[in-house]
Amino acid sequence: MAGNNAKLFVIAAPSGAGKTTLVKALVARNPGLRFSISYTTRQQRRTEVDGVDYFFVDLDEFERFKAKGELLEFAQVFDNYYATSRSQVEKHLNEGRNVILEIDWQGARQVRQSMPECVTIFILPPSLEELERRLRDRRTDSPAVIERRLRDAQSDMSHWDEFDYIIINDALERAVVDLENVLHGTGHSCARSNVALRRVISRIIG
């Protein structure tokens, strides 16, 4: 890792928790942050821009990156692969820039092994009912896919205790402030060890 104070912040969440919206708001308010753009083999959505939202690659290209050791982490999610460029992250850190990495819990576990000094953050919805409402309001998936996402989301949420900080995305503005506090080293109320927070989490995940 860089020989300066730059940090890698790894943010994960179940599908529908609002992670992408949160991260975009955070980066907009903190222009010095660098967002690590992931590779993915999934199809590009109409609203997405290659090189901005993701780098869209085919399976052969993905396998080449993997063979060369270019992937800091990778995971298979919903039959597609997602991965992080090791060189992209290291370049930003070496320039003294804090880096935000938006991945899933599996990827976060791999990054923690490669870069144990990283700071990990897990985003939770305020309730399972709200999570379902957000997934349905997207209107991008069939009912069957939504049911699968809900099942997978509940499984993902069981890994919250592996993360340094947990942020409950109830109100966007408050959640962004919580994220900024973690980045500035003052996010004690969101720390995994916070007893009051752990009680709230136990009510959310049941």
Protein backbone atom coordinates (compact mmCIF):
# COMPACT_ATOMS: atom_id res chain seq x y z
CA MET A 1 0.00 0.00 0.00
CA ALA A 2 1.00 3.60 -0.39
CA GLY A 3 3.60 5.05 1.90
CA ASN A 4 1.29 7.91 2.92
CA ASN A 5 -1.99 8.40 4.76
CA ALA A 6 -4.20 7.41 1.82
CA LYS A 7 -6.71 4.73 2.72
CA LEU A 8 -8.79 2.19 0.86
CA PHE A 9 -12.44 2.21 1.96
CA VAL A 10 -14.35 -0.92 1.00
CA ILE A 11 -18.15 -0.54 0.91
CA ALA A 12 -20.48 -3.52 0.57
CA ALA A 13 -24.24 -4.02 0.88
CA PRO A 14 -27.06 -6.36 -0.09
CA SER A 15 -28.78 -5.62 -3.39
CA GLY A 16 -31.32 -2.82 -2.92
CA ALA A 17 -29.74 -1.22 0.16
CA GLY A 18 -28.90 1.94 -1.82
CA LYS A 19 -25.13 1.49 -1.89
CA THR A 20 -24.59 2.92 -5.37
CA THR A 21 -26.69 6.04 -4.67
CA LEU A 22 -24.83 6.58 -1.40
CA VAL A 23 -21.40 6.20 -2.95
CA LYS A 24 -22.25 8.58 -5.82
CA ALA A 25 -23.44 11.20 -3.31
CA LEU A 26 -20.31 10.70 -1.22
CA VAL A 27 -17.95 11.11 -4.19
CA ALA A 28 -19.88 14.18 -5.41
CA ARG A 29 -19.44 15.85 -2.01
CA ASN A 30 -15.79 14.80 -1.66
CA PRO A 31 -14.09 15.41 -5.02
CA GLY A 32 -10.69 14.35 -3.64
CA LEU A 33 -11.95 10.77 -3.31
CA ARG A 34 -11.22 8.30 -6.06
CA PHE A 35 -13.85 5.73 -6.98
CA SER A 36 -12.47 2.40 -8.16
CA ILE A 37 -14.49 1.36 -11.21
CA SER A 38 -15.14 -2.38 -11.24
CA TYR A 39 -14.92 -4.78 -14.15
CA THR A 40 -18.07 -6.78 -14.86
CA THR A 41 -19.10 -9.44 -17.36
CA ARG A 42 -22.81 -8.62 -17.03
CA GLN A 43 -24.80 -6.84 -19.73
CA GLN A 44 -24.68 -3.06 -19.73
CA ARG A 45 -27.96 -1.41 -18.66
CA ARG A 46 -29.47 1.43 -20.68
CA THR A 47 -28.61 4.01 -18.03
CA GLU A 48 -24.99 2.90 -17.61
CA VAL A 49 -21.83 4.29 -19.22
CA ASP A 50 -18.81 2.08 -19.90
CA GLY A 51 -15.79 3.38 -17.99
CA VAL A 52 -18.00 5.39 -15.61
CA ASP A 53 -20.32 2.89 -13.95
CA TYR A 54 -18.29 -0.21 -14.81
CA PHE A 55 -15.76 -1.46 -17.30
CA PHE A 56 -17.84 -3.96 -19.25
CA VAL A 57 -15.71 -6.92 -20.40
CA ASP A 58 -16.40 -10.34 -21.84
CA LEU A 59 -15.53 -13.58 -20.07
CA ASP A 60 -12.32 -14.15 -22.06
CA GLU A 61 -10.96 -10.71 -21.16
CA PHE A 62 -11.93 -11.27 -17.52
CA GLU A 63 -10.04 -14.58 -17.45
CA ARG A 64 -6.95 -12.89 -18.95
CA PHE A 65 -6.96 -10.24 -16.18
CA LYS A 66 -7.34 -12.97 -13.58
CA ALA A 67 -4.45 -15.02 -15.02
CA LYS A 68 -2.16 -11.94 -14.98
CA GLY A 69 -2.88 -11.22 -11.29
CA GLU A 70 -4.51 -7.91 -12.18
CA LEU A 71 -7.58 -8.55 -10.00
CA LEU A 72 -7.47 -7.40 -6.38
CA GLU A 73 -10.71 -9.32 -5.82
CA PHE A 74 -13.43 -10.94 -7.88
CA ALA A 75 -16.79 -12.53 -7.22
CA GLN A 76 -19.61 -14.21 -9.07
CA VAL A 77 -22.94 -12.50 -8.39
CA PHE A 78 -26.21 -13.40 -10.16
CA ASP A 79 -24.35 -15.49 -12.79
CA ASN A 80 -21.96 -12.64 -13.66
CA TYR A 81 -18.43 -11.76 -12.55
CA TYR A 82 -17.37 -8.52 -10.88
CA ALA A 83 -13.77 -7.58 -10.12
CA THR A 84 -11.45 -4.80 -8.98
CA SER A 85 -8.33 -3.65 -10.79
CA ARG A 86 -5.34 -3.95 -8.49
CA SER A 87 -3.27 -1.46 -10.52
CA GLN A 88 -6.05 1.15 -10.53
CA VAL A 89 -6.39 1.04 -6.72
CA GLU A 90 -2.63 1.10 -6.12
CA LYS A 91 -2.15 4.04 -8.51
CA HIS A 92 -4.67 6.20 -6.62
CA LEU A 93 -3.24 5.25 -3.22
CA ASN A 94 0.33 5.98 -4.36
CA GLU A 95 -0.86 9.44 -5.46
CA GLY A 96 -2.10 10.03 -1.90
CA ARG A 97 -5.79 9.73 -2.80
CA ASN A 98 -8.32 7.90 -0.64
CA VAL A 99 -10.09 5.22 -2.68
CA ILE A 100 -13.69 4.00 -2.45
CA LEU A 101 -14.33 0.45 -3.53
CA GLU A 102 -17.96 -0.64 -3.99
CA ILE A 103 -18.16 -4.45 -3.99
CA ASP A 104 -19.94 -7.35 -2.30
CA TRP A 105 -19.04 -9.09 0.98
CA GLN A 106 -17.14 -11.86 -0.81
CA GLY A 107 -14.91 -9.32 -2.53
CA ALA A 108 -14.49 -7.37 0.71
CA ARG A 109 -13.16 -10.51 2.36
CA GLN A 110 -10.57 -10.96 -0.41
CA VAL A 111 -9.47 -7.31 -0.23
CA ARG A 112 -9.11 -7.59 3.54
CA GLN A 113 -6.71 -10.49 3.00
CA SER A 114 -4.66 -8.60 0.37
CA MET A 115 -4.76 -5.19 2.08
CA PRO A 116 -5.55 -5.75 5.78
CA GLU A 117 -5.17 -2.02 6.52
CA CYS A 118 -8.29 -1.22 4.46
CA VAL A 119 -11.41 0.14 6.20
CA THR A 120 -14.56 -1.91 5.54
CA ILE A 121 -18.12 -0.55 5.66
CA PHE A 122 -21.40 -2.44 5.29
CA ILE A 123 -24.65 -0.71 4.28
CA LEU A 124 -27.94 -2.07 5.63
CA PRO A 125 -31.52 -1.14 4.72
CA PRO A 126 -33.73 0.07 7.62
CA SER A 127 -35.89 -3.06 7.28
CA LEU A 128 -36.47 -6.09 5.05
CA GLU A 129 -39.81 -4.58 3.99
CA GLU A 130 -38.09 -1.40 2.82
CA LEU A 131 -35.49 -3.46 0.97
CA GLU A 132 -38.25 -5.29 -0.92
CA ARG A 133 -39.99 -2.01 -1.76
CA ARG A 134 -36.77 -0.53 -3.17
CA LEU A 135 -36.12 -3.61 -5.31
CA ARG A 136 -39.65 -3.53 -6.73
CA ASP A 137 -39.53 0.23 -7.35
CA ARG A 138 -36.49 -0.19 -9.58
CA ARG A 139 -38.71 -1.90 -12.18
CA THR A 140 -35.63 -3.48 -13.77
CA ASP A 141 -36.18 -7.10 -12.71
CA SER A 142 -38.86 -9.75 -13.08
CA PRO A 143 -40.76 -10.90 -9.96
CA ALA A 144 -38.73 -14.13 -9.96
CA VAL A 145 -35.43 -12.21 -10.02
CA ILE A 146 -36.66 -9.91 -7.23
CA GLU A 147 -37.49 -12.95 -5.06
CA ARG A 148 -34.02 -14.32 -5.70
CA ARG A 149 -32.42 -10.98 -4.89
CA LEU A 150 -34.36 -10.84 -1.62
CA ARG A 151 -33.19 -14.32 -0.62
CA ASP A 152 -29.61 -13.47 -1.53
CA ALA A 153 -29.85 -10.12 0.25
CA GLN A 154 -30.83 -11.81 3.50
CA SER A 155 -27.87 -14.16 3.13
CA ASP A 156 -25.54 -11.20 2.40
CA MET A 157 -26.81 -9.31 5.45
CA SER A 158 -25.70 -12.14 7.72
CA HIS A 159 -22.08 -11.10 7.01
CA TRP A 160 -22.40 -7.59 8.50
CA ASP A 161 -20.30 -8.56 11.52
CA GLU A 162 -17.21 -9.00 9.30
CA PHE A 163 -17.09 -5.23 8.66
CA ASP A 164 -15.48 -2.42 10.66
CA TYR A 165 -18.45 -0.06 10.31
CA ILE A 166 -22.17 -0.54 9.61
CA ILE A 167 -24.36 2.23 8.23
CA ILE A 168 -28.15 1.96 8.13
CA ASN A 169 -29.42 3.70 5.00
CA ASP A 170 -32.75 5.01 6.25
CA ALA A 171 -32.41 8.65 5.14
CA LEU A 172 -29.88 9.34 2.36
CA GLU A 173 -28.53 12.61 3.79
CA ARG A 174 -27.92 11.12 7.22
CA ALA A 175 -26.30 8.01 5.73
CA VAL A 176 -23.93 10.16 3.64
CA VAL A 177 -22.92 12.11 6.75
CA ASP A 178 -22.32 8.80 8.57
CA LEU A 179 -20.09 7.68 5.69
CA GLU A 180 -18.16 10.96 5.74
CA ASN A 181 -17.62 10.57 9.49
CA VAL A 182 -16.11 7.11 8.91
CA LEU A 183 -13.82 8.56 6.23
CA HIS A 184 -12.69 11.28 8.64
CA GLY A 185 -12.06 8.81 11.46
CA THR A 186 -15.00 10.02 13.58
CA GLY A 187 -17.59 7.34 12.79
CA HIS A 188 -17.64 5.82 16.27
CA SER A 189 -21.46 5.56 16.35
CA CYS A 190 -21.25 3.32 13.26
CA ALA A 191 -18.49 1.06 14.59
CA ARG A 192 -19.26 -2.65 14.72
CA SER A 193 -18.57 -2.66 18.47
CA ASN A 194 -21.28 -0.05 19.20
CA VAL A 195 -23.79 -1.85 21.44
CA ALA A 196 -26.79 0.34 20.54
CA LEU A 197 -26.10 -0.12 16.83
CA ARG A 198 -25.84 -3.90 17.24
CA ARG A 199 -29.29 -3.92 18.86
CA VAL A 200 -30.78 -2.03 15.90
CA ILE A 201 -29.12 -4.42 13.45
CA SER A 202 -30.51 -7.47 15.25
CA ARG A 203 -34.02 -6.03 14.80
CA ILE A 204 -33.44 -5.43 11.08
CA ILE A 205 -32.08 -8.84 10.16
CA GLY A 206 -34.30 -10.78 12.57
